[in-house]
Protein backbone atom coordinates (compact mmCIF):
# COMPACT_ATOMS: atom_id res chain seq x y z
CA UNK A 1 -66.01 -55.09 47.34
CA UNK A 2 -68.17 -55.38 44.22
CA UNK A 3 -66.69 -55.73 40.78
CA UNK A 4 -66.37 -52.72 38.48
CA UNK A 5 -67.96 -52.36 36.07
CA UNK A 6 -70.78 -53.94 38.02
CA UNK A 7 -71.71 -57.51 37.12
CA UNK A 8 -75.32 -58.35 37.90
CA UNK A 9 -75.83 -61.85 39.27
CA UNK A 10 -77.41 -64.05 36.57
CA UNK A 11 -80.23 -65.21 38.83
CA UNK A 12 -81.47 -61.63 39.41
CA UNK A 13 -84.29 -60.28 37.26
CA UNK A 14 -85.70 -56.77 36.92
CA UNK A 15 -89.46 -56.19 36.86
CA UNK A 16 -91.46 -53.01 36.24
CA UNK A 17 -94.62 -53.09 38.36
CA UNK A 18 -97.05 -50.18 38.38
CA UNK A 19 -94.69 -47.22 38.89
CA UNK A 20 -91.96 -49.18 40.65
CA UNK A 21 -88.84 -51.09 39.73
CA UNK A 22 -88.55 -54.45 41.49
CA UNK A 23 -85.61 -56.82 41.68
CA UNK A 24 -86.08 -60.54 42.24
CA UNK A 25 -83.33 -62.96 43.25
CA UNK A 26 -84.08 -66.51 42.22
CA UNK A 27 -81.30 -67.71 44.52
CA UNK A 28 -82.67 -66.14 47.72
CA UNK A 29 -86.31 -65.81 46.53
CA UNK A 30 -86.11 -62.20 47.73
CA UNK A 31 -88.05 -59.31 46.19
CA UNK A 32 -86.64 -55.80 46.51
CA UNK A 33 -88.38 -52.52 45.72
CA UNK A 34 -86.22 -49.63 44.51
CA UNK A 35 -86.90 -45.94 44.91
CA UNK A 36 -86.25 -43.57 42.01
CA UNK A 37 -82.58 -42.94 42.70
CA UNK A 38 -81.86 -46.61 43.40
CA UNK A 39 -83.71 -47.57 40.21
CA UNK A 40 -81.53 -45.17 38.21
CA UNK A 41 -78.38 -46.66 39.71
CA UNK A 42 -79.56 -50.20 38.94
CA UNK A 43 -80.36 -49.35 35.32
CA UNK A 44 -76.90 -47.82 35.01
CA UNK A 45 -75.45 -51.05 36.41
CA UNK A 46 -77.34 -53.00 33.77
CA UNK A 47 -75.57 -50.86 31.17
CA UNK A 48 -72.25 -51.78 32.88
CA UNK A 49 -71.36 -48.16 33.55
CA UNK A 50 -68.42 -47.35 35.81
CA UNK A 51 -68.92 -45.96 39.31
CA UNK A 52 -67.73 -42.52 38.15
CA UNK A 53 -70.23 -42.49 35.26
CA UNK A 54 -73.06 -43.67 37.53
CA UNK A 55 -72.23 -40.92 40.02
CA UNK A 56 -72.32 -38.32 37.25
CA UNK A 57 -75.68 -39.58 36.03
CA UNK A 58 -77.12 -39.55 39.58
CA UNK A 59 -75.76 -36.06 40.22
CA UNK A 60 -77.27 -34.64 37.03
CA UNK A 61 -80.63 -36.37 37.48
CA UNK A 62 -81.25 -35.49 41.14
CA UNK A 63 -79.21 -32.31 41.61
CA UNK A 64 -76.85 -33.63 44.28
CA UNK A 65 -73.15 -33.01 44.63
CA UNK A 66 -71.12 -35.48 42.60
CA UNK A 67 -69.06 -36.52 45.63
CA UNK A 68 -72.26 -37.27 47.56
CA UNK A 69 -73.69 -39.11 44.56
CA UNK A 70 -70.57 -41.28 44.43
CA UNK A 71 -70.77 -42.03 48.15
CA UNK A 72 -74.49 -42.91 47.92
CA UNK A 73 -73.88 -45.14 44.90
CA UNK A 74 -70.98 -46.88 46.62
CA UNK A 75 -73.04 -47.57 49.75
CA UNK A 76 -76.01 -48.89 47.76
CA UNK A 77 -73.94 -51.11 45.48
CA UNK A 78 -72.06 -52.53 48.47
CA UNK A 79 -75.44 -53.37 49.99
CA UNK A 80 -76.55 -55.05 46.76
CA UNK A 81 -73.34 -57.05 46.76
CA UNK A 82 -74.06 -58.23 50.32
CA UNK A 83 -77.49 -59.43 49.11
CA UNK A 84 -75.96 -61.25 46.17
CA UNK A 85 -77.73 -59.05 43.62
CA UNK A 86 -74.45 -58.02 42.07
CA UNK A 87 -71.23 -59.96 41.98
CA UNK A 88 -68.78 -59.62 44.83
CA UNK A 89 -65.15 -59.88 43.71
CA UNK A 90 -64.66 -62.58 46.38
CA UNK A 91 -67.79 -64.51 45.41
CA UNK A 92 -67.20 -67.98 43.92
CA UNK A 93 -68.72 -68.32 40.48
CA UNK A 94 -69.50 -71.99 40.74
CA UNK A 95 -71.87 -73.69 43.12
CA UNK A 96 -70.79 -76.70 45.12
CA UNK A 97 -72.86 -79.57 43.77
CA UNK A 98 -72.76 -81.26 47.18
CA UNK A 99 -74.99 -78.46 48.50
CA UNK A 100 -77.72 -78.97 45.90
CA UNK A 101 -80.92 -80.99 46.07
CA UNK A 102 -80.53 -81.96 49.70
CA UNK A 103 -83.86 -82.65 51.35
CA UNK A 104 -83.70 -84.22 54.82
CA UNK A 105 -86.44 -86.70 55.70
CA UNK A 106 -87.94 -87.48 59.10
CA UNK A 107 -87.29 -91.21 58.80
CA UNK A 108 -84.88 -93.40 56.82
CA UNK A 109 -87.93 -95.36 55.64
CA UNK A 110 -89.30 -92.40 53.66
CA UNK A 111 -88.97 -92.56 49.86
CA UNK A 112 -88.45 -96.32 49.86
CA UNK A 113 -90.77 -98.70 47.99
CA UNK A 114 -93.03 -100.86 50.14
CA UNK A 115 -94.74 -104.05 49.06
CA UNK A 116 -97.98 -104.61 50.96
CA UNK A 117 -99.12 -108.22 50.95
CA UNK A 118 -102.03 -107.98 53.42
CA UNK A 119 -105.62 -107.26 52.45
CA UNK A 120 -107.07 -103.90 53.54
CA UNK A 121 -109.77 -103.96 56.21
CA UNK A 122 -111.56 -100.96 54.73
CA UNK A 123 -111.24 -98.45 51.92
CA UNK A 124 -112.48 -94.97 51.13
CA UNK A 125 -112.67 -93.31 47.73
CA UNK A 126 -112.49 -89.52 47.60
CA UNK A 127 -112.36 -86.83 44.91
CA UNK A 128 -109.75 -84.22 45.68
CA UNK A 129 -107.81 -81.66 43.68
CA UNK A 130 -109.21 -82.97 40.40
CA UNK A 131 -108.02 -86.53 41.12
CA UNK A 132 -109.68 -89.74 42.28
CA UNK A 133 -108.04 -91.23 45.37
CA UNK A 134 -108.46 -94.63 46.95
CA UNK A 135 -107.44 -94.82 50.60
CA UNK A 136 -106.85 -98.34 51.87
CA UNK A 137 -106.65 -98.99 55.60
CA UNK A 138 -105.21 -102.11 57.19
CA UNK A 139 -106.38 -101.32 60.73
CA UNK A 140 -109.89 -100.15 61.61
CA UNK A 141 -108.74 -97.80 64.37
CA UNK A 142 -106.43 -96.07 61.89
CA UNK A 143 -109.32 -95.82 59.43
CA UNK A 144 -111.55 -94.22 62.07
CA UNK A 145 -108.93 -91.56 62.79
CA UNK A 146 -108.37 -90.76 59.13
CA UNK A 147 -112.01 -90.47 58.17
CA UNK A 148 -112.48 -87.58 60.61
CA UNK A 149 -110.43 -85.48 58.20
CA UNK A 150 -111.54 -86.68 54.77
CA UNK A 151 -114.89 -88.52 55.10
CA UNK A 152 -116.86 -85.52 53.82
CA UNK A 153 -114.94 -85.85 50.53
CA UNK A 154 -116.14 -89.41 49.94
CA UNK A 155 -116.92 -90.16 46.31
CA UNK A 156 -117.80 -93.22 44.25
CA UNK A 157 -114.41 -93.96 42.69
CA UNK A 158 -114.28 -96.64 40.00
CA UNK A 159 -110.90 -95.82 38.49
CA UNK A 160 -108.54 -94.47 41.17
CA UNK A 161 -105.66 -92.37 39.92
CA UNK A 162 -103.79 -92.40 43.23
CA UNK A 163 -103.64 -95.10 45.90
CA UNK A 164 -102.87 -94.13 49.50
CA UNK A 165 -102.22 -97.05 51.86
CA UNK A 166 -102.19 -96.49 55.63
CA UNK A 167 -100.89 -99.29 57.83
CA UNK A 168 -98.65 -100.36 60.72
CA UNK A 169 -95.48 -102.15 59.65
CA UNK A 170 -91.74 -102.10 60.36
CA UNK A 171 -92.55 -100.79 63.88
CA UNK A 172 -93.99 -97.60 62.34
CA UNK A 173 -97.23 -96.24 61.08
CA UNK A 174 -96.73 -95.83 57.35
CA UNK A 175 -98.40 -93.73 54.69
CA UNK A 176 -97.65 -95.24 51.31
CA UNK A 177 -98.52 -93.40 48.10
CA UNK A 178 -98.52 -95.50 44.94
CA UNK A 179 -96.15 -98.02 46.50
CA UNK A 180 -93.66 -95.47 47.94
CA UNK A 181 -93.43 -94.62 51.64
CA UNK A 182 -94.07 -90.90 52.05
CA UNK A 183 -94.24 -90.86 55.86
CA UNK A 184 -93.25 -93.05 58.80
CA UNK A 185 -93.96 -92.25 62.45
CA UNK A 186 -94.62 -93.94 65.79
CA UNK A 187 -97.34 -91.87 67.49
CA UNK A 188 -100.84 -92.89 66.28
CA UNK A 189 -102.21 -89.55 67.49
CA UNK A 190 -100.36 -87.88 64.62
CA UNK A 191 -102.21 -89.96 62.04
CA UNK A 192 -104.94 -87.53 60.95
CA UNK A 193 -102.71 -84.42 60.54
CA UNK A 194 -100.17 -86.40 58.54
CA UNK A 195 -102.79 -87.94 56.26
CA UNK A 196 -104.30 -84.51 55.59
CA UNK A 197 -100.86 -83.08 54.81
CA UNK A 198 -99.89 -85.83 52.38
CA UNK A 199 -103.24 -85.73 50.66
CA UNK A 200 -102.78 -82.03 49.95
CA UNK A 201 -99.14 -82.46 48.91
CA UNK A 202 -99.99 -85.39 46.65
CA UNK A 203 -102.69 -83.43 44.82
CA UNK A 204 -100.73 -80.22 44.52
CA UNK A 205 -97.49 -81.72 43.28
CA UNK A 206 -99.50 -83.18 40.40
CA UNK A 207 -100.96 -79.80 39.48
CA UNK A 208 -99.49 -77.11 37.26
CA UNK A 209 -99.78 -74.32 39.78
CA UNK A 210 -98.63 -70.74 39.82
CA UNK A 211 -97.93 -70.49 43.55
CA UNK A 212 -98.84 -72.09 46.85
CA UNK A 213 -99.53 -69.87 49.86
CA UNK A 214 -100.12 -70.60 53.54
CA UNK A 215 -103.68 -69.37 53.37
CA UNK A 216 -107.37 -70.16 53.76
CA UNK A 217 -109.87 -69.42 50.99
CA UNK A 218 -113.64 -68.94 51.17
CA UNK A 219 -116.31 -67.55 48.89
CA UNK A 220 -119.88 -66.32 48.60
CA UNK A 221 -119.95 -67.48 44.98
CA UNK A 222 -118.54 -64.26 43.59
CA UNK A 223 -114.80 -64.87 43.74
CA UNK A 224 -112.58 -66.30 46.48
CA UNK A 225 -111.27 -64.34 49.43
CA UNK A 226 -107.80 -65.49 50.47
CA UNK A 227 -106.76 -65.16 54.11
CA UNK A 228 -102.97 -65.46 54.13
CA UNK A 229 -100.56 -65.55 57.04
CA UNK A 230 -98.27 -67.65 59.16
CA UNK A 231 -99.48 -70.00 61.88
CA UNK A 232 -101.22 -68.37 64.83
CA UNK A 233 -102.75 -65.29 63.17
CA UNK A 234 -106.30 -66.65 63.48
CA UNK A 235 -107.02 -67.82 59.90
CA UNK A 236 -108.82 -71.04 60.86
CA UNK A 237 -110.97 -69.50 63.59
CA UNK A 238 -111.98 -66.78 61.15
CA UNK A 239 -112.70 -69.44 58.50
CA UNK A 240 -114.96 -71.34 60.91
CA UNK A 241 -116.89 -68.14 61.66
CA UNK A 242 -117.28 -67.38 57.96
CA UNK A 243 -118.53 -70.90 57.22
CA UNK A 244 -121.11 -70.50 59.97
CA UNK A 245 -122.09 -67.16 58.36
CA UNK A 246 -122.76 -68.85 55.00
CA UNK A 247 -119.41 -68.72 53.22
CA UNK A 248 -118.25 -71.69 51.15
CA UNK A 249 -115.01 -73.43 52.20
CA UNK A 250 -112.26 -73.95 49.59
CA UNK A 251 -109.25 -74.67 51.77
CA UNK A 252 -108.12 -74.12 55.33
CA UNK A 253 -104.34 -74.25 55.17
CA UNK A 254 -102.83 -73.97 51.70
CA UNK A 255 -104.08 -72.07 48.67
CA UNK A 256 -102.83 -73.24 45.30
CA UNK A 257 -103.47 -71.12 42.21
CA UNK A 258 -103.91 -73.02 38.98
CA UNK A 259 -101.30 -71.62 36.62
CA UNK A 260 -103.53 -71.60 33.55
CA UNK A 261 -106.84 -70.39 35.01
CA UNK A 262 -105.43 -68.55 38.07
CA UNK A 263 -108.29 -70.00 40.09
CA UNK A 264 -108.02 -71.51 43.56
CA UNK A 265 -107.76 -75.30 43.35
CA UNK A 266 -110.26 -76.60 45.96
CA UNK A 267 -108.71 -78.56 48.84
CA UNK A 268 -111.44 -78.63 51.51
CA UNK A 269 -109.97 -80.95 54.13
CA UNK A 270 -111.48 -80.51 57.59
CA UNK A 271 -110.52 -77.35 59.47
CA UNK A 272 -107.60 -77.72 61.89
CA UNK A 273 -108.81 -76.16 65.14
CA UNK A 274 -105.89 -75.52 67.47
CA UNK A 275 -106.31 -75.80 71.23
CA UNK A 276 -106.50 -72.07 71.87
CA UNK A 277 -109.61 -71.78 69.67
CA UNK A 278 -111.58 -74.79 70.94
CA UNK A 279 -113.88 -72.79 73.21
CA UNK A 280 -114.58 -70.17 70.53
CA UNK A 281 -115.39 -72.74 67.86
CA UNK A 282 -117.49 -74.81 70.29
CA UNK A 283 -119.80 -71.80 70.70
CA UNK A 284 -120.18 -71.56 66.93
CA UNK A 285 -120.62 -75.31 66.37
CA UNK A 286 -122.04 -76.89 69.56
CA UNK A 287 -120.73 -80.42 69.93
CA UNK A 288 -118.02 -79.90 67.35
CA UNK A 289 -115.25 -79.85 69.91
CA UNK A 290 -116.24 -83.25 71.34
CA UNK A 291 -114.19 -84.73 68.50
CA UNK A 292 -110.97 -86.63 69.38
CA UNK A 293 -107.74 -84.77 70.03
CA UNK A 294 -104.94 -85.15 67.49
CA UNK A 295 -101.30 -84.12 67.64
CA UNK A 296 -99.07 -82.48 65.07
CA UNK A 297 -95.52 -83.78 64.67
CA UNK A 298 -94.35 -81.03 67.04
CA UNK A 299 -96.99 -82.14 69.59
CA UNK A 300 -99.46 -79.29 69.26
CA UNK A 301 -102.99 -80.41 70.12
CA UNK A 302 -105.81 -79.90 67.64
CA UNK A 303 -109.25 -81.10 66.63
CA UNK A 304 -110.83 -81.25 63.19
CA UNK A 305 -114.08 -79.63 62.18
CA UNK A 306 -115.59 -80.98 58.95
CA UNK A 307 -117.66 -78.55 56.85
CA UNK A 308 -121.24 -79.67 56.41
CA UNK A 309 -122.72 -80.67 53.06
CA UNK A 310 -123.02 -77.66 50.78
CA UNK A 311 -120.45 -75.68 52.72
CA UNK A 312 -117.40 -76.66 50.66
CA UNK A 313 -116.20 -76.91 47.07
CA UNK A 314 -114.21 -79.98 45.99
CA UNK A 315 -114.50 -79.93 42.19
CA UNK A 316 -111.96 -77.88 40.19
CA UNK A 317 -114.63 -77.09 37.59
CA UNK A 318 -116.42 -75.08 40.30
CA UNK A 319 -113.27 -73.14 41.21
CA UNK A 320 -113.24 -69.35 41.31
CA UNK A 321 -110.56 -66.70 40.83
CA UNK A 322 -109.27 -64.68 43.76
CA UNK A 323 -111.25 -61.51 44.35
CA UNK A 324 -109.39 -60.22 47.39
CA UNK A 325 -106.32 -61.05 49.44
CA UNK A 326 -106.53 -60.33 53.17
CA UNK A 327 -103.73 -60.67 55.73
CA UNK A 328 -105.55 -61.11 59.07
CA UNK A 329 -104.07 -60.82 62.54
CA UNK A 330 -105.86 -61.53 65.80
CA UNK A 331 -105.34 -58.33 67.77
CA UNK A 332 -107.48 -57.69 70.87
CA UNK A 333 -105.41 -54.58 71.65
CA UNK A 334 -106.23 -52.70 68.44
CA UNK A 335 -109.78 -53.92 67.78
CA UNK A 336 -111.23 -54.95 64.43
CA UNK A 337 -110.35 -52.98 61.31
CA UNK A 338 -109.29 -53.35 57.71
CA UNK A 339 -107.20 -51.21 55.37
CA UNK A 340 -105.95 -51.44 51.80
CA UNK A 341 -102.24 -52.08 51.25
CA UNK A 342 -100.05 -51.62 48.14
CA UNK A 343 -99.95 -54.67 45.90
CA UNK A 344 -96.17 -54.88 46.01
CA UNK A 345 -96.37 -55.07 49.81
CA UNK A 346 -98.95 -57.85 49.48
CA UNK A 347 -96.60 -59.70 47.13
CA UNK A 348 -93.84 -59.60 49.74
CA UNK A 349 -96.24 -60.74 52.45
CA UNK A 350 -97.26 -63.72 50.32
CA UNK A 351 -93.62 -64.77 50.18
CA UNK A 352 -93.31 -64.43 53.95
CA UNK A 353 -96.27 -66.79 54.39
CA UNK A 354 -94.35 -69.53 52.64
CA UNK A 355 -95.70 -73.03 51.92
CA UNK A 356 -94.41 -73.52 48.41
CA UNK A 357 -94.65 -77.25 47.68
CA UNK A 358 -92.93 -77.06 44.34
CA UNK A 359 -89.88 -75.37 42.85
CA UNK A 360 -89.22 -71.80 43.88
CA UNK A 361 -90.16 -68.73 41.92
CA UNK A 362 -88.30 -67.76 38.80
CA UNK A 363 -88.52 -64.60 36.69
CA UNK A 364 -91.36 -66.00 34.55
CA UNK A 365 -93.47 -66.87 37.61
CA UNK A 366 -92.73 -63.50 39.18
CA UNK A 367 -94.04 -61.78 36.04
CA UNK A 368 -97.15 -63.98 36.12
CA UNK A 369 -97.74 -63.30 39.81
CA UNK A 370 -97.31 -59.57 39.43
CA UNK A 371 -99.80 -59.68 36.57
CA UNK A 372 -102.20 -61.75 38.72
CA UNK A 373 -102.00 -59.54 41.80
CA UNK A 374 -102.72 -56.44 39.72
CA UNK A 375 -106.35 -57.55 39.57
CA UNK A 376 -106.65 -58.47 43.25
CA UNK A 377 -107.69 -56.11 46.05
CA UNK A 378 -105.22 -56.39 48.94
CA UNK A 379 -105.85 -55.67 52.62
CA UNK A 380 -104.46 -55.95 56.14
CA UNK A 381 -107.00 -56.80 58.82
CA UNK A 382 -106.88 -56.81 62.61
CA UNK A 383 -109.49 -59.00 64.29
CA UNK A 384 -110.91 -58.75 67.78
CA UNK A 385 -114.63 -59.23 67.14
CA UNK A 386 -115.50 -62.04 64.72
CA UNK A 387 -118.94 -60.53 64.10
CA UNK A 388 -117.41 -57.21 63.03
CA UNK A 389 -114.83 -59.01 60.89
CA UNK A 390 -117.52 -61.03 59.10
CA UNK A 391 -119.46 -57.86 58.35
CA UNK A 392 -116.37 -56.22 56.81
CA UNK A 393 -115.43 -59.31 54.81
CA UNK A 394 -118.96 -59.75 53.50
CA UNK A 395 -118.88 -56.25 52.05
CA UNK A 396 -115.73 -57.18 50.13
CA UNK A 397 -117.05 -60.59 49.04
CA UNK A 398 -120.47 -59.51 47.78
């Protein structure tokens, strides 16, 4: 049972957005939208009113019997207690410190310093995420695999800010960032996906970003279009089709919004083409699927498609704000179509996409995000025909 008068959990914040009242729990990262009666009850809880006084207020405001108002309030507050939004009288008030800051790693070698005494066989300088990177490879075969993902980002780097060493040692393939092992694995076929991942993570954890979203981003030079969603909805195949149609590639997998400018930080690593899309992409880019097969850590097969010169943005100074946010879904049963969705629904969908590489949201970031999304057009899209989808997206982008 909840406490009375109600005690709101300290990690819960209240946000007014458009004509709605939203609750955000920093502990669960959940966002909850309240209807008018629920909003009234919550505001009464904030004033620490008793259940009887809340029931009276609800009865007078909405013209319901006081007994029914009390029952409805009791049910709703019990639900809030189950979500942790208000204090449960059995809830411990202190957190067990042993449960905090635990982050399992895939190998006991990860996070340990590593002293490399050998000389690299080759190196590659790239500009990425506003930083200058120097990749150093100690095996030419490893270098050949890696360059399929990042060679198009090659830049003349005279003063590297980040060193990434890739080598075989300690019976593992190692990725070492500035002297610290960030990954260790045994299957060389996982090399390219892991390098791409750690490049993105390395750049983004150095940035002051508002949010990171599992999303692709492309542009016609008039604002970015974000395509957000979980794995398997067709984002990368759609991105490949848009690049072929003249769109500029910003990122294939993770969109990071710069906190100050609210622009998409470019991260144009090669597109990850999963096995189910190989035939489709081969028709768009003949010869592109003759590239080697790589494996993710969970053994999914993929190939990489590098955007051609002029088809991607890598410099933050050329970044653009988000013009529209689209949640696509490959759906041969329903055909191709697009519809606007409420911004608060889009906010929740962004959270469901995940991929935050930094600390979770807090009330300040929620306010910033709600302010940001106010100026963004939000859509759901079903995709069967890529040609029809491109036509619809172009109308939004132009």
